[in-house]
Amino acid sequence: MDKKGRGVIPASFRRALGVKSSEVVVLRPENDELRIDTVRHRLVRAQKSVGEHVAPTVSLVDERIAERREDARRESDRHR
């Protein structure tokens, strides 16, 4: 660690973990250890987790848009 608190992950570790050059990493303490992950890997895991609970034919984006439109309609009706 340097005086600014920065550290260097050795190239062999980056290759083993699939971390690309200048990729953003997430550090978190866990059980007296420092865990390193990439934003990309976290996103892939989150997508997989959601995919286990949502049918492939369902679009969560479309559902959210429909919910927001309904909320806006109700808000508009309330102010009439």
PDB file of N, CA and C in Angstrom:
ATOM      1  N   MET A   1       0.846  -1.171   0.000  1.00  0.00           N
ATOM      2  CA  MET A   1       0.000   0.000   0.000  1.00  0.00           C
ATOM      3  C   MET A   1       0.891   1.235   0.000  1.00  0.00           C
ATOM      4  N   ASP A   2       0.496   2.216  -0.812  1.00  0.00           N
ATOM      5  CA  ASP A   2       1.261   3.462  -0.785  1.00  0.00           C
ATOM      6  C   ASP A   2       0.644   4.422   0.232  1.00  0.00           C
ATOM      7  N   LYS A   3       1.215   5.597   0.355  1.00  0.00           N
ATOM      8  CA  LYS A   3       0.750   6.570   1.348  1.00  0.00           C
ATOM      9  C   LYS A   3      -0.676   7.029   1.098  1.00  0.00           C
ATOM     10  N   LYS A   4      -1.154   6.909  -0.128  1.00  0.00           N
ATOM     11  CA  LYS A   4      -2.525   7.310  -0.461  1.00  0.00           C
ATOM     12  C   LYS A   4      -3.512   6.153  -0.289  1.00  0.00           C
ATOM     13  N   GLY A   5      -3.024   5.007   0.200  1.00  0.00           N
ATOM     14  CA  GLY A   5      -3.906   3.869   0.424  1.00  0.00           C
ATOM     15  C   GLY A   5      -4.158   3.030  -0.815  1.00  0.00           C
ATOM     16  N   ARG A   6      -3.387   3.243  -1.841  1.00  0.00           N
ATOM     17  CA  ARG A   6      -3.568   2.489  -3.083  1.00  0.00           C
ATOM     18  C   ARG A   6      -2.698   1.245  -3.061  1.00  0.00           C
ATOM     19  N   GLY A   7      -3.202   0.206  -3.660  1.00  0.00           N
ATOM     20  CA  GLY A   7      -2.447  -1.030  -3.770  1.00  0.00           C
ATOM     21  C   GLY A   7      -2.428  -1.505  -5.208  1.00  0.00           C
ATOM     22  N   VAL A   8      -1.530  -2.421  -5.484  1.00  0.00           N
ATOM     23  CA  VAL A   8      -1.418  -2.978  -6.831  1.00  0.00           C
ATOM     24  C   VAL A   8      -1.737  -4.463  -6.760  1.00  0.00           C
ATOM     25  N   ILE A   9      -2.607  -4.921  -7.638  1.00  0.00           N
ATOM     26  CA  ILE A   9      -2.904  -6.343  -7.743  1.00  0.00           C
ATOM     27  C   ILE A   9      -1.947  -6.912  -8.790  1.00  0.00           C
ATOM     28  N   PRO A  10      -1.122  -7.875  -8.412  1.00  0.00           N
ATOM     29  CA  PRO A  10      -0.166  -8.434  -9.375  1.00  0.00           C
ATOM     30  C   PRO A  10      -0.855  -8.969 -10.629  1.00  0.00           C
ATOM     31  N   ALA A  11      -0.172  -8.864 -11.757  1.00  0.00           N
ATOM     32  CA  ALA A  11      -0.728  -9.267 -13.054  1.00  0.00           C
ATOM     33  C   ALA A  11      -1.183 -10.718 -13.036  1.00  0.00           C
ATOM     34  N   SER A  12      -0.429 -11.604 -12.399  1.00  0.00           N
ATOM     35  CA  SER A  12      -0.811 -13.018 -12.375  1.00  0.00           C
ATOM     36  C   SER A  12      -2.154 -13.212 -11.654  1.00  0.00           C
ATOM     37  N   PHE A  13      -2.396 -12.435 -10.601  1.00  0.00           N
ATOM     38  CA  PHE A  13      -3.675 -12.508  -9.893  1.00  0.00           C
ATOM     39  C   PHE A  13      -4.795 -11.967 -10.768  1.00  0.00           C
ATOM     40  N   ARG A  14      -4.532 -10.829 -11.428  1.00  0.00           N
ATOM     41  CA  ARG A  14      -5.553 -10.233 -12.308  1.00  0.00           C
ATOM     42  C   ARG A  14      -5.940 -11.198 -13.415  1.00  0.00           C
ATOM     43  N   ARG A  15      -4.950 -11.851 -14.004  1.00  0.00           N
ATOM     44  CA  ARG A  15      -5.246 -12.829 -15.060  1.00  0.00           C
ATOM     45  C   ARG A  15      -6.074 -13.988 -14.505  1.00  0.00           C
ATOM     46  N   ALA A  16      -5.683 -14.506 -13.347  1.00  0.00           N
ATOM     47  CA  ALA A  16      -6.401 -15.634 -12.743  1.00  0.00           C
ATOM     48  C   ALA A  16      -7.847 -15.273 -12.427  1.00  0.00           C
ATOM     49  N   LEU A  17      -8.076 -14.024 -12.039  1.00  0.00           N
ATOM     50  CA  LEU A  17      -9.425 -13.571 -11.694  1.00  0.00           C
ATOM     51  C   LEU A  17     -10.193 -13.021 -12.891  1.00  0.00           C
ATOM     52  N   GLY A  18      -9.540 -12.874 -14.025  1.00  0.00           N
ATOM     53  CA  GLY A  18     -10.202 -12.322 -15.207  1.00  0.00           C
ATOM     54  C   GLY A  18     -10.428 -10.826 -15.113  1.00  0.00           C
ATOM     55  N   VAL A  19      -9.604 -10.136 -14.329  1.00  0.00           N
ATOM     56  CA  VAL A  19      -9.728  -8.687 -14.181  1.00  0.00           C
ATOM     57  C   VAL A  19      -8.976  -8.011 -15.316  1.00  0.00           C
ATOM     58  N   LYS A  20      -9.691  -7.189 -16.058  1.00  0.00           N
ATOM     59  CA  LYS A  20      -9.091  -6.483 -17.194  1.00  0.00           C
ATOM     60  C   LYS A  20      -8.398  -5.205 -16.728  1.00  0.00           C
ATOM     61  N   SER A  21      -7.481  -4.725 -17.532  1.00  0.00           N
ATOM     62  CA  SER A  21      -6.743  -3.511 -17.218  1.00  0.00           C
ATOM     63  C   SER A  21      -7.702  -2.341 -17.008  1.00  0.00           C
ATOM     64  N   SER A  22      -7.510  -1.604 -15.970  1.00  0.00           N
ATOM     65  CA  SER A  22      -8.290  -0.419 -15.567  1.00  0.00           C
ATOM     66  C   SER A  22      -9.767  -0.719 -15.296  1.00  0.00           C
ATOM     67  N   GLU A  23     -10.100  -1.988 -15.070  1.00  0.00           N
ATOM     68  CA  GLU A  23     -11.476  -2.356 -14.719  1.00  0.00           C
ATOM     69  C   GLU A  23     -11.736  -1.962 -13.265  1.00  0.00           C
ATOM     70  N   VAL A  24     -12.948  -1.552 -12.985  1.00  0.00           N
ATOM     71  CA  VAL A  24     -13.316  -1.159 -11.628  1.00  0.00           C
ATOM     72  C   VAL A  24     -13.476  -2.413 -10.778  1.00  0.00           C
ATOM     73  N   VAL A  25     -12.853  -2.391  -9.601  1.00  0.00           N
ATOM     74  CA  VAL A  25     -12.994  -3.505  -8.673  1.00  0.00           C
ATOM     75  C   VAL A  25     -13.688  -3.027  -7.409  1.00  0.00           C
ATOM     76  N   VAL A  26     -14.320  -3.958  -6.736  1.00  0.00           N
ATOM     77  CA  VAL A  26     -15.020  -3.693  -5.487  1.00  0.00           C
ATOM     78  C   VAL A  26     -14.276  -4.455  -4.399  1.00  0.00           C
ATOM     79  N   LEU A  27     -13.912  -3.749  -3.334  1.00  0.00           N
ATOM     80  CA  LEU A  27     -13.244  -4.371  -2.201  1.00  0.00           C
ATOM     81  C   LEU A  27     -14.209  -4.407  -1.027  1.00  0.00           C
ATOM     82  N   ARG A  28     -14.246  -5.532  -0.328  1.00  0.00           N
ATOM     83  CA  ARG A  28     -15.089  -5.592   0.868  1.00  0.00           C
ATOM     84  C   ARG A  28     -14.449  -6.512   1.892  1.00  0.00           C
ATOM     85  N   PRO A  29     -14.461  -6.074   3.158  1.00  0.00           N
ATOM     86  CA  PRO A  29     -13.924  -6.927   4.216  1.00  0.00           C
ATOM     87  C   PRO A  29     -14.905  -8.042   4.534  1.00  0.00           C
ATOM     88  N   GLU A  30     -14.385  -9.235   4.756  1.00  0.00           N
ATOM     89  CA  GLU A  30     -15.233 -10.373   5.103  1.00  0.00           C
ATOM     90  C   GLU A  30     -14.422 -11.357   5.934  1.00  0.00           C
ATOM     91  N   ASN A  31     -14.844 -11.578   7.158  1.00  0.00           N
ATOM     92  CA  ASN A  31     -14.168 -12.533   8.051  1.00  0.00           C
ATOM     93  C   ASN A  31     -12.660 -12.309   8.111  1.00  0.00           C
ATOM     94  N   ASP A  32     -12.261 -11.098   8.403  1.00  0.00           N
ATOM     95  CA  ASP A  32     -10.839 -10.740   8.520  1.00  0.00           C
ATOM     96  C   ASP A  32     -10.063 -10.934   7.221  1.00  0.00           C
ATOM     97  N   GLU A  33     -10.747 -10.921   6.098  1.00  0.00           N
ATOM     98  CA  GLU A  33     -10.114 -11.003   4.781  1.00  0.00           C
ATOM     99  C   GLU A  33     -10.616  -9.852   3.926  1.00  0.00           C
ATOM    100  N   LEU A  34      -9.882  -9.548   2.898  1.00  0.00           N
ATOM    101  CA  LEU A  34     -10.300  -8.533   1.941  1.00  0.00           C
ATOM    102  C   LEU A  34     -10.701  -9.250   0.657  1.00  0.00           C
ATOM    103  N   ARG A  35     -11.956  -9.136   0.296  1.00  0.00           N
ATOM    104  CA  ARG A  35     -12.478  -9.766  -0.916  1.00  0.00           C
ATOM    105  C   ARG A  35     -12.437  -8.765  -2.055  1.00  0.00           C
ATOM    106  N   ILE A  36     -11.997  -9.230  -3.222  1.00  0.00           N
ATOM    107  CA  ILE A  36     -11.912  -8.388  -4.413  1.00  0.00           C
ATOM    108  C   ILE A  36     -12.840  -8.973  -5.465  1.00  0.00           C
ATOM    109  N   ASP A  37     -13.642  -8.129  -6.048  1.00  0.00           N
ATOM    110  CA  ASP A  37     -14.555  -8.546  -7.109  1.00  0.00           C
ATOM    111  C   ASP A  37     -14.629  -7.427  -8.127  1.00  0.00           C
ATOM    112  N   THR A  38     -15.091  -7.742  -9.321  1.00  0.00           N
ATOM    113  CA  THR A  38     -15.276  -6.704 -10.327  1.00  0.00           C
ATOM    114  C   THR A  38     -16.760  -6.363 -10.418  1.00  0.00           C
ATOM    115  N   VAL A  39     -17.038  -5.162 -10.855  1.00  0.00           N
ATOM    116  CA  VAL A  39     -18.420  -4.753 -11.072  1.00  0.00           C
ATOM    117  C   VAL A  39     -19.054  -5.671 -12.116  1.00  0.00           C
ATOM    118  N   ARG A  40     -18.283  -6.019 -13.125  1.00  0.00           N
ATOM    119  CA  ARG A  40     -18.779  -6.906 -14.197  1.00  0.00           C
ATOM    120  C   ARG A  40     -19.206  -8.259 -13.625  1.00  0.00           C
ATOM    121  N   HIS A  41     -18.370  -8.864 -12.787  1.00  0.00           N
ATOM    122  CA  HIS A  41     -18.715 -10.160 -12.201  1.00  0.00           C
ATOM    123  C   HIS A  41     -19.939 -10.058 -11.294  1.00  0.00           C
ATOM    124  N   ARG A  42     -20.036  -8.972 -10.544  1.00  0.00           N
ATOM    125  CA  ARG A  42     -21.187  -8.788  -9.669  1.00  0.00           C
ATOM    126  C   ARG A  42     -22.476  -8.654 -10.478  1.00  0.00           C
ATOM    127  N   LEU A  43     -22.403  -7.948 -11.602  1.00  0.00           N
ATOM    128  CA  LEU A  43     -23.562  -7.789 -12.468  1.00  0.00           C
ATOM    129  C   LEU A  43     -24.005  -9.129 -13.045  1.00  0.00           C
ATOM    130  N   VAL A  44     -23.055  -9.922 -13.500  1.00  0.00           N
ATOM    131  CA  VAL A  44     -23.374 -11.247 -14.062  1.00  0.00           C
ATOM    132  C   VAL A  44     -24.056 -12.113 -13.006  1.00  0.00           C
ATOM    133  N   ARG A  45     -23.531 -12.106 -11.778  1.00  0.00           N
ATOM    134  CA  ARG A  45     -24.142 -12.896 -10.704  1.00  0.00           C
ATOM    135  C   ARG A  45     -25.548 -12.409 -10.381  1.00  0.00           C
ATOM    136  N   ALA A  46     -25.743 -11.092 -10.365  1.00  0.00           N
ATOM    137  CA  ALA A  46     -27.069 -10.538 -10.091  1.00  0.00           C
ATOM    138  C   ALA A  46     -28.055 -10.940 -11.181  1.00  0.00           C
ATOM    139  N   GLN A  47     -27.623 -10.870 -12.440  1.00  0.00           N
ATOM    140  CA  GLN A  47     -28.495 -11.264 -13.546  1.00  0.00           C
ATOM    141  C   GLN A  47     -28.871 -12.740 -13.446  1.00  0.00           C
ATOM    142  N   LYS A  48     -27.903 -13.571 -13.079  1.00  0.00           N
ATOM    143  CA  LYS A  48     -28.166 -15.004 -12.932  1.00  0.00           C
ATOM    144  C   LYS A  48     -29.162 -15.242 -11.805  1.00  0.00           C
ATOM    145  N   SER A  49     -28.976 -14.542 -10.701  1.00  0.00           N
ATOM    146  CA  SER A  49     -29.866 -14.697  -9.558  1.00  0.00           C
ATOM    147  C   SER A  49     -31.296 -14.297  -9.912  1.00  0.00           C
ATOM    148  N   VAL A  50     -31.450 -13.170 -10.584  1.00  0.00           N
ATOM    149  CA  VAL A  50     -32.786 -12.728 -11.002  1.00  0.00           C
ATOM    150  C   VAL A  50     -33.377 -13.727 -11.987  1.00  0.00           C
ATOM    151  N   GLY A  51     -32.547 -14.224 -12.891  1.00  0.00           N
ATOM    152  CA  GLY A  51     -33.010 -15.179 -13.893  1.00  0.00           C
ATOM    153  C   GLY A  51     -33.556 -16.461 -13.294  1.00  0.00           C
ATOM    154  N   GLU A  52     -33.104 -16.804 -12.090  1.00  0.00           N
ATOM    155  CA  GLU A  52     -33.611 -18.006 -11.426  1.00  0.00           C
ATOM    156  C   GLU A  52     -35.032 -17.817 -10.909  1.00  0.00           C
ATOM    157  N   HIS A  53     -35.481 -16.558 -10.806  1.00  0.00           N
ATOM    158  CA  HIS A  53     -36.797 -16.272 -10.231  1.00  0.00           C
ATOM    159  C   HIS A  53     -37.775 -15.651 -11.225  1.00  0.00           C
ATOM    160  N   VAL A  54     -37.314 -15.366 -12.426  1.00  0.00           N
ATOM    161  CA  VAL A  54     -38.165 -14.704 -13.419  1.00  0.00           C
ATOM    162  C   VAL A  54     -38.155 -15.530 -14.706  1.00  0.00           C
ATOM    163  N   ALA A  55     -39.322 -15.777 -15.249  1.00  0.00           N
ATOM    164  CA  ALA A  55     -39.417 -16.545 -16.494  1.00  0.00           C
ATOM    165  C   ALA A  55     -38.723 -15.796 -17.621  1.00  0.00           C
ATOM    166  N   PRO A  56     -38.079 -16.511 -18.544  1.00  0.00           N
ATOM    167  CA  PRO A  56     -37.355 -15.851 -19.642  1.00  0.00           C
ATOM    168  C   PRO A  56     -38.259 -14.997 -20.534  1.00  0.00           C
ATOM    169  N   THR A  57     -39.547 -15.270 -20.523  1.00  0.00           N
ATOM    170  CA  THR A  57     -40.476 -14.511 -21.374  1.00  0.00           C
ATOM    171  C   THR A  57     -40.931 -13.204 -20.721  1.00  0.00           C
ATOM    172  N   VAL A  58     -40.559 -12.998 -19.457  1.00  0.00           N
ATOM    173  CA  VAL A  58     -40.983 -11.798 -18.721  1.00  0.00           C
ATOM    174  C   VAL A  58     -39.934 -10.703 -18.874  1.00  0.00           C
ATOM    175  N   SER A  59     -40.392  -9.510 -19.192  1.00  0.00           N
ATOM    176  CA  SER A  59     -39.499  -8.352 -19.261  1.00  0.00           C
ATOM    177  C   SER A  59     -39.728  -7.491 -18.025  1.00  0.00           C
ATOM    178  N   LEU A  60     -38.749  -7.502 -17.121  1.00  0.00           N
ATOM    179  CA  LEU A  60     -38.879  -6.677 -15.925  1.00  0.00           C
ATOM    180  C   LEU A  60     -38.895  -5.193 -16.265  1.00  0.00           C
ATOM    181  N   VAL A  61     -38.224  -4.830 -17.338  1.00  0.00           N
ATOM    182  CA  VAL A  61     -38.224  -3.428 -17.778  1.00  0.00           C
ATOM    183  C   VAL A  61     -39.637  -3.024 -18.201  1.00  0.00           C
ATOM    184  N   ASP A  62     -40.276  -3.861 -19.023  1.00  0.00           N
ATOM    185  CA  ASP A  62     -41.636  -3.550 -19.461  1.00  0.00           C
ATOM    186  C   ASP A  62     -42.599  -3.496 -18.278  1.00  0.00           C
ATOM    187  N   GLU A  63     -42.425  -4.414 -17.318  1.00  0.00           N
ATOM    188  CA  GLU A  63     -43.291  -4.399 -16.145  1.00  0.00           C
ATOM    189  C   GLU A  63     -43.097  -3.118 -15.332  1.00  0.00           C
ATOM    190  N   ARG A  64     -41.854  -2.705 -15.179  1.00  0.00           N
ATOM    191  CA  ARG A  64     -41.572  -1.483 -14.414  1.00  0.00           C
ATOM    192  C   ARG A  64     -42.129  -0.246 -15.120  1.00  0.00           C
ATOM    193  N   ILE A  65     -41.993  -0.192 -16.432  1.00  0.00           N
ATOM    194  CA  ILE A  65     -42.553   0.928 -17.195  1.00  0.00           C
ATOM    195  C   ILE A  65     -44.063   0.983 -17.018  1.00  0.00           C
ATOM    196  N   ALA A  66     -44.714  -0.176 -17.089  1.00  0.00           N
ATOM    197  CA  ALA A  66     -46.169  -0.224 -16.917  1.00  0.00           C
ATOM    198  C   ALA A  66     -46.549   0.248 -15.509  1.00  0.00           C
ATOM    199  N   GLU A  67     -45.789  -0.164 -14.500  1.00  0.00           N
ATOM    200  CA  GLU A  67     -46.057   0.283 -13.128  1.00  0.00           C
ATOM    201  C   GLU A  67     -45.921   1.798 -13.002  1.00  0.00           C
ATOM    202  N   ARG A  68     -44.869   2.357 -13.587  1.00  0.00           N
ATOM    203  CA  ARG A  68     -44.643   3.801 -13.509  1.00  0.00           C
ATOM    204  C   ARG A  68     -45.755   4.562 -14.225  1.00  0.00           C
ATOM    205  N   ARG A  69     -46.201   4.033 -15.362  1.00  0.00           N
ATOM    206  CA  ARG A  69     -47.300   4.691 -16.083  1.00  0.00           C
ATOM    207  C   ARG A  69     -48.573   4.665 -15.256  1.00  0.00           C
ATOM    208  N   GLU A  70     -48.843   3.536 -14.607  1.00  0.00           N
ATOM    209  CA  GLU A  70     -50.021   3.432 -13.754  1.00  0.00           C
ATOM    210  C   GLU A  70     -49.913   4.388 -12.566  1.00  0.00           C
ATOM    211  N   ASP A  71     -48.744   4.483 -11.965  1.00  0.00           N
ATOM    212  CA  ASP A  71     -48.528   5.433 -10.871  1.00  0.00           C
ATOM    213  C   ASP A  71     -48.785   6.865 -11.337  1.00  0.00           C
ATOM    214  N   ALA A  72     -48.280   7.208 -12.516  1.00  0.00           N
ATOM    215  CA  ALA A  72     -48.464   8.562 -13.054  1.00  0.00           C
ATOM    216  C   ALA A  72     -49.943   8.825 -13.343  1.00  0.00           C
ATOM    217  N   ARG A  73     -50.656   7.820 -13.869  1.00  0.00           N
ATOM    218  CA  ARG A  73     -52.091   7.979 -14.139  1.00  0.00           C
ATOM    219  C   ARG A  73     -52.849   8.224 -12.847  1.00  0.00           C
ATOM    220  N   ARG A  74     -52.541   7.441 -11.805  1.00  0.00           N
ATOM    221  CA  ARG A  74     -53.213   7.618 -10.513  1.00  0.00           C
ATOM    222  C   ARG A  74     -52.923   8.981  -9.911  1.00  0.00           C
ATOM    223  N   GLU A  75     -51.689   9.421 -10.022  1.00  0.00           N
ATOM    224  CA  GLU A  75     -51.294  10.732  -9.498  1.00  0.00           C
ATOM    225  C   GLU A  75     -52.042  11.841 -10.244  1.00  0.00           C
ATOM    226  N   SER A  76     -52.154  11.687 -11.559  1.00  0.00           N
ATOM    227  CA  SER A  76     -52.876  12.664 -12.369  1.00  0.00           C
ATOM    228  C   SER A  76     -54.364  12.703 -11.991  1.00  0.00           C
ATOM    229  N   ASP A  77     -54.962  11.505 -11.822  1.00  0.00           N
ATOM    230  CA  ASP A  77     -56.370  11.429 -11.435  1.00  0.00           C
ATOM    231  C   ASP A  77     -56.601  12.046 -10.042  1.00  0.00           C
ATOM    232  N   ARG A  78     -55.658  11.886  -9.167  1.00  0.00           N
ATOM    233  CA  ARG A  78     -55.769  12.407  -7.806  1.00  0.00           C
ATOM    234  C   ARG A  78     -55.784  13.937  -7.784  1.00  0.00           C
ATOM    235  N   HIS A  79     -55.125  14.550  -8.738  1.00  0.00           N
ATOM    236  CA  HIS A  79     -55.043  16.018  -8.775  1.00  0.00           C
ATOM    237  C   HIS A  79     -56.132  16.660  -9.620  1.00  0.00           C
ATOM    238  N   ARG A  80     -57.047  15.886 -10.089  1.00  0.00           N
ATOM    239  CA  ARG A  80     -58.138  16.460 -10.904  1.00  0.00           C
ATOM    240  C   ARG A  80     -59.250  16.953 -10.061  1.00  0.00           C
TER     241      ARG A  80
END
